[in-house]
Amino acid sequence: MGKRVLIVDDAAFMRMLLKDIVTKAGYEVAGEASNGKEAIEKYKELNPDIVTMDITMPEMTGIEATKEIMKMDPNAKIIMCSAMGQQMMVVEAIQAGAKDFIVKPFQQSRVVEALSKVAK
């Protein structure tokens, strides 16, 4: 059985895209969340192996959610998803505990590379 991934993004289209890449790469989609608050709830509930976390979301940003998840589980494996031009936020995300980051628009090979890197 592949690693379980929680996909967090406020755009349904992006979640669909990631779900497709994740499942094709042999991972199981544990669940989805559309904002940071939901991400924390789903993390507690589903205990996924990996989280793909969008940075900019309503209610709570991906960085805030990452900090909360890292408090609950210091071993959490979170991959940040950022749009072009969010380099400063990526640095902040890594400081918050993210293990890697991928940039939108997603390149399938880069997403798979990030997943396998943090899955180890």
Protein backbone atom coordinates (compact mmCIF):
# COMPACT_ATOMS: atom_id res chain seq x y z
CA MET A 1 0.00 0.00 0.00
CA GLY A 2 1.32 3.42 -0.96
CA LYS A 3 1.81 6.36 1.33
CA ARG A 4 -1.33 8.33 2.22
CA VAL A 5 -1.47 11.96 1.10
CA LEU A 6 -3.70 14.77 2.37
CA ILE A 7 -4.25 17.36 -0.37
CA VAL A 8 -4.89 20.92 0.82
CA ASP A 9 -5.83 23.68 -1.63
CA ASP A 10 -8.67 26.18 -1.75
CA ALA A 11 -9.13 25.58 -5.49
CA ALA A 12 -11.06 22.40 -6.32
CA PHE A 13 -9.34 22.29 -9.71
CA MET A 14 -5.89 22.24 -8.10
CA ARG A 15 -6.95 19.46 -5.71
CA MET A 16 -8.23 17.46 -8.67
CA LEU A 17 -4.97 17.99 -10.55
CA LEU A 18 -2.86 16.94 -7.56
CA LYS A 19 -5.11 13.97 -6.83
CA ASP A 20 -4.51 12.77 -10.38
CA ILE A 21 -0.71 13.14 -10.12
CA VAL A 22 -0.58 11.58 -6.63
CA THR A 23 -2.65 8.51 -7.54
CA LYS A 24 -0.78 7.96 -10.83
CA ALA A 25 2.46 8.00 -8.82
CA GLY A 26 1.14 5.15 -6.66
CA TYR A 27 0.15 7.12 -3.58
CA GLU A 28 -3.23 6.97 -1.89
CA VAL A 29 -5.24 10.14 -1.39
CA ALA A 30 -6.21 10.06 2.30
CA GLY A 31 -8.39 13.15 2.02
CA GLU A 32 -8.72 16.76 0.95
CA ALA A 33 -9.11 20.10 2.66
CA SER A 34 -9.91 23.52 1.23
CA ASN A 35 -8.36 25.75 3.92
CA GLY A 36 -5.84 25.70 6.76
CA LYS A 37 -8.37 25.10 9.54
CA GLU A 38 -9.82 22.13 7.67
CA ALA A 39 -6.28 20.87 6.99
CA ILE A 40 -5.55 20.68 10.73
CA GLU A 41 -8.83 18.87 11.43
CA LYS A 42 -8.24 16.40 8.60
CA TYR A 43 -4.65 15.83 9.72
CA LYS A 44 -5.86 14.88 13.21
CA GLU A 45 -8.59 12.68 11.79
CA LEU A 46 -6.70 10.95 8.96
CA ASN A 47 -3.08 10.97 10.14
CA PRO A 48 -1.68 11.06 6.58
CA ASP A 49 1.95 10.25 5.71
CA ILE A 50 2.36 13.36 3.57
CA VAL A 51 0.50 16.67 3.18
CA THR A 52 0.54 18.89 0.10
CA MET A 53 -0.27 22.35 1.47
CA ASP A 54 -1.26 25.39 -0.54
CA ILE A 55 0.27 28.59 0.88
CA THR A 56 -2.50 31.11 0.16
CA MET A 57 -5.92 30.06 1.42
CA PRO A 58 -8.90 31.67 3.14
CA GLU A 59 -9.50 31.37 6.92
CA MET A 60 -5.97 30.20 7.67
CA THR A 61 -2.87 30.22 5.46
CA GLY A 62 -0.86 27.13 4.66
CA ILE A 63 2.02 28.51 6.72
CA GLU A 64 -0.17 28.93 9.82
CA ALA A 65 -1.63 25.45 9.31
CA THR A 66 1.86 24.00 8.86
CA LYS A 67 2.96 25.53 12.18
CA GLU A 68 -0.09 24.05 13.94
CA ILE A 69 0.42 20.60 12.41
CA MET A 70 4.13 20.65 13.32
CA LYS A 71 3.16 21.43 16.94
CA MET A 72 0.90 18.35 16.98
CA ASP A 73 3.30 16.15 15.03
CA PRO A 74 6.95 17.28 14.78
CA ASN A 75 7.53 14.48 12.24
CA ALA A 76 4.82 15.66 9.84
CA LYS A 77 5.90 15.64 6.21
CA ILE A 78 4.49 18.72 4.51
CA ILE A 79 5.13 19.84 0.95
CA MET A 80 4.19 23.47 0.29
CA CYS A 81 2.51 24.43 -2.96
CA SER A 82 3.13 27.97 -4.07
CA ALA A 83 2.35 30.11 -7.06
CA MET A 84 5.18 31.76 -8.97
CA GLY A 85 6.63 34.76 -7.17
CA GLN A 86 5.96 33.56 -3.62
CA GLN A 87 9.61 32.87 -2.80
CA MET A 88 9.51 34.77 0.50
CA MET A 89 6.55 32.70 1.61
CA VAL A 90 8.36 29.51 0.64
CA VAL A 91 11.26 30.48 2.93
CA GLU A 92 8.76 31.12 5.73
CA ALA A 93 7.09 27.77 5.02
CA ILE A 94 10.38 25.89 5.25
CA GLN A 95 11.12 27.67 8.55
CA ALA A 96 7.65 26.62 9.74
CA GLY A 97 8.60 23.00 9.11
CA ALA A 98 7.73 22.21 5.49
CA LYS A 99 10.05 19.57 4.00
CA ASP A 100 9.85 20.66 0.36
CA PHE A 101 7.87 22.82 -2.01
CA ILE A 102 6.36 22.61 -5.48
CA VAL A 103 5.40 25.50 -7.71
CA LYS A 104 2.16 25.98 -9.62
CA PRO A 105 1.47 25.25 -12.42
CA PHE A 106 2.48 21.78 -11.28
CA GLN A 107 4.91 19.70 -13.27
CA GLN A 108 4.06 16.06 -12.69
CA SER A 109 7.72 15.01 -12.48
CA ARG A 110 8.50 17.66 -9.83
CA VAL A 111 5.46 16.69 -7.71
CA VAL A 112 6.47 13.02 -7.84
CA GLU A 113 10.07 13.94 -6.99
CA ALA A 114 8.94 15.94 -3.95
CA LEU A 115 6.62 13.13 -2.79
CA SER A 116 9.29 10.46 -3.04
CA LYS A 117 11.86 12.73 -1.36
CA VAL A 118 9.70 13.33 1.73
CA ALA A 119 8.27 9.79 1.75
CA LYS A 120 11.69 8.35 2.60
